[in-house]
Amino acid sequence: MSADIASTESSHALRPADICRALLAALEASEGRRRKRKRDQTPDAFGLSVKRDLLQHAVEHDPPPEAFEEWLLNYPQTCKARELVGPAVAMARTVFEEWRMAHASDEFRAWLEQGAPSDDATDGPGR
């Protein structure tokens, strides 16, 4: 039981900016994988761009952990282009789920803390 408490206590120390910075590194790996695909990548690039903007915004503003969910809910309202509101809502939900996963999964958190390493981050041939 004390290990669970220690884990819970350490997870409260996670800052949105730290998690979002690590998620940006994971996003770079996604870019490597996306570039290897042979189909039209326009929709993927658009979605990843919206997510990258959201993550960078979170890193810059570093909202407090207890207010991060509300901050994410309000983020789409900051979009100047109306056509970006829907994608921003979808990406805010995705980031919130990843935020929750970082708190719930020691393995996911460790992977993020290691810089989200991935073979997909390289431009080498696909597997």
Protein backbone atom coordinates (compact mmCIF):
# COMPACT_ATOMS: atom_id res chain seq x y z
CA MET A 1 0.00 0.00 0.00
CA SER A 2 2.81 2.45 0.68
CA ALA A 3 4.06 1.99 -2.90
CA ASP A 4 0.62 3.05 -4.16
CA ILE A 5 0.74 6.15 -1.98
CA ALA A 6 4.24 7.01 -3.15
CA SER A 7 3.15 6.55 -6.74
CA THR A 8 0.09 8.74 -6.21
CA GLU A 9 2.08 11.41 -4.42
CA SER A 10 4.71 11.52 -7.17
CA SER A 11 2.05 11.65 -9.89
CA HIS A 12 0.64 14.86 -8.36
CA ALA A 13 4.02 16.46 -9.06
CA LEU A 14 3.49 16.04 -12.80
CA ARG A 15 3.08 19.39 -14.49
CA PRO A 16 1.05 19.80 -17.68
CA ALA A 17 4.02 21.51 -19.36
CA ASP A 18 6.29 18.53 -18.60
CA ILE A 19 3.81 15.99 -19.93
CA CYS A 20 3.04 18.11 -23.00
CA ARG A 21 6.75 18.59 -23.70
CA ALA A 22 7.18 14.81 -23.67
CA LEU A 23 4.08 14.38 -25.83
CA LEU A 24 5.66 16.74 -28.35
CA ALA A 25 8.64 14.37 -28.54
CA ALA A 26 6.24 11.47 -29.12
CA LEU A 27 4.54 13.51 -31.82
CA GLU A 28 7.87 13.84 -33.62
CA ALA A 29 8.05 10.03 -33.73
CA SER A 30 4.57 10.03 -35.27
CA GLU A 31 5.86 12.39 -37.94
CA GLY A 32 8.59 9.89 -38.81
CA ARG A 33 6.02 7.11 -39.15
CA ARG A 34 3.66 9.33 -41.13
CA ARG A 35 6.37 10.23 -43.66
CA LYS A 36 6.91 6.53 -44.39
CA ARG A 37 3.31 5.95 -45.49
CA LYS A 38 2.52 5.89 -49.19
CA ARG A 39 -1.02 7.29 -49.03
CA ASP A 40 -2.09 10.96 -48.97
CA GLN A 41 -0.89 12.39 -45.65
CA THR A 42 -2.77 15.70 -45.75
CA PRO A 43 -5.39 14.80 -43.08
CA ASP A 44 -2.73 13.32 -40.81
CA ALA A 45 -0.53 16.39 -41.17
CA PHE A 46 -3.49 18.66 -40.38
CA GLY A 47 -4.42 16.75 -37.21
CA LEU A 48 -0.83 16.57 -36.02
CA SER A 49 -0.44 20.30 -36.63
CA VAL A 50 -3.47 21.07 -34.46
CA LYS A 51 -2.15 18.76 -31.73
CA ARG A 52 1.34 20.26 -31.94
CA ASP A 53 -0.08 23.77 -31.55
CA LEU A 54 -2.13 22.69 -28.52
CA LEU A 55 0.86 20.99 -26.87
CA GLN A 56 3.13 23.98 -27.51
CA HIS A 57 0.48 26.29 -26.08
CA ALA A 58 0.26 24.11 -22.96
CA VAL A 59 4.05 24.11 -22.56
CA GLU A 60 4.12 27.91 -22.83
CA HIS A 61 1.24 28.50 -20.39
CA ASP A 62 1.91 25.57 -18.01
CA PRO A 63 -1.52 25.58 -16.37
CA PRO A 64 -1.65 24.14 -12.85
CA PRO A 65 -2.37 20.39 -12.74
CA GLU A 66 -5.66 20.84 -10.90
CA ALA A 67 -6.90 23.26 -13.60
CA PHE A 68 -5.53 21.44 -16.67
CA GLU A 69 -8.83 19.82 -17.66
CA GLU A 70 -10.61 23.19 -17.59
CA TRP A 71 -7.72 24.78 -19.48
CA LEU A 72 -8.05 22.12 -22.19
CA LEU A 73 -11.82 22.63 -22.37
CA ASN A 74 -11.27 26.35 -22.94
CA TYR A 75 -8.44 25.93 -25.47
CA PRO A 76 -10.68 25.53 -28.57
CA GLN A 77 -12.17 28.94 -27.85
CA THR A 78 -8.73 30.45 -28.48
CA CYS A 79 -8.78 29.27 -32.11
CA LYS A 80 -9.16 32.23 -34.41
CA ALA A 81 -10.30 30.13 -37.36
CA ARG A 82 -13.76 28.62 -36.88
CA GLU A 83 -12.80 25.53 -38.88
CA LEU A 84 -10.18 24.69 -36.25
CA VAL A 85 -12.59 24.56 -33.31
CA GLY A 86 -13.76 20.98 -33.97
CA PRO A 87 -10.24 19.57 -34.46
CA ALA A 88 -9.05 21.51 -31.40
CA VAL A 89 -11.82 19.95 -29.28
CA ALA A 90 -10.83 16.48 -30.51
CA MET A 91 -7.15 17.07 -29.78
CA ALA A 92 -7.91 18.56 -26.36
CA ARG A 93 -9.74 15.33 -25.51
CA THR A 94 -6.80 13.28 -26.76
CA VAL A 95 -4.31 15.29 -24.72
CA PHE A 96 -6.50 14.98 -21.63
CA GLU A 97 -6.61 11.19 -22.02
CA GLU A 98 -2.82 11.12 -22.42
CA TRP A 99 -2.53 13.32 -19.30
CA ARG A 100 -4.67 10.86 -17.38
CA MET A 101 -2.65 7.93 -18.75
CA ALA A 102 0.57 9.56 -17.53
CA HIS A 103 -0.93 9.59 -14.04
CA ALA A 104 -2.37 6.08 -14.20
CA SER A 105 0.40 4.14 -15.93
CA ASP A 106 3.93 3.94 -14.55
CA GLU A 107 5.11 2.47 -17.86
CA PHE A 108 3.63 5.27 -19.96
CA ARG A 109 5.01 7.90 -17.59
CA ALA A 110 8.47 6.28 -17.69
CA TRP A 111 8.36 6.20 -21.50
CA LEU A 112 7.50 9.90 -21.55
CA GLU A 113 10.25 10.69 -19.03
CA GLN A 114 12.74 8.92 -21.32
CA GLY A 115 11.79 11.31 -24.11
CA ALA A 116 9.22 9.00 -25.76
CA PRO A 117 11.85 6.98 -27.66
CA SER A 118 10.67 5.32 -30.84
CA ASP A 119 12.22 3.64 -33.86
CA ASP A 120 9.71 5.62 -35.93
CA ALA A 121 11.51 8.85 -35.07
CA THR A 122 14.30 7.99 -37.50
CA ASP A 123 14.03 8.36 -41.23
CA GLY A 124 15.35 4.85 -41.83
CA PRO A 125 13.43 2.19 -43.75
CA GLY A 126 10.19 0.92 -42.26
CA ARG A 127 10.01 -2.37 -40.43
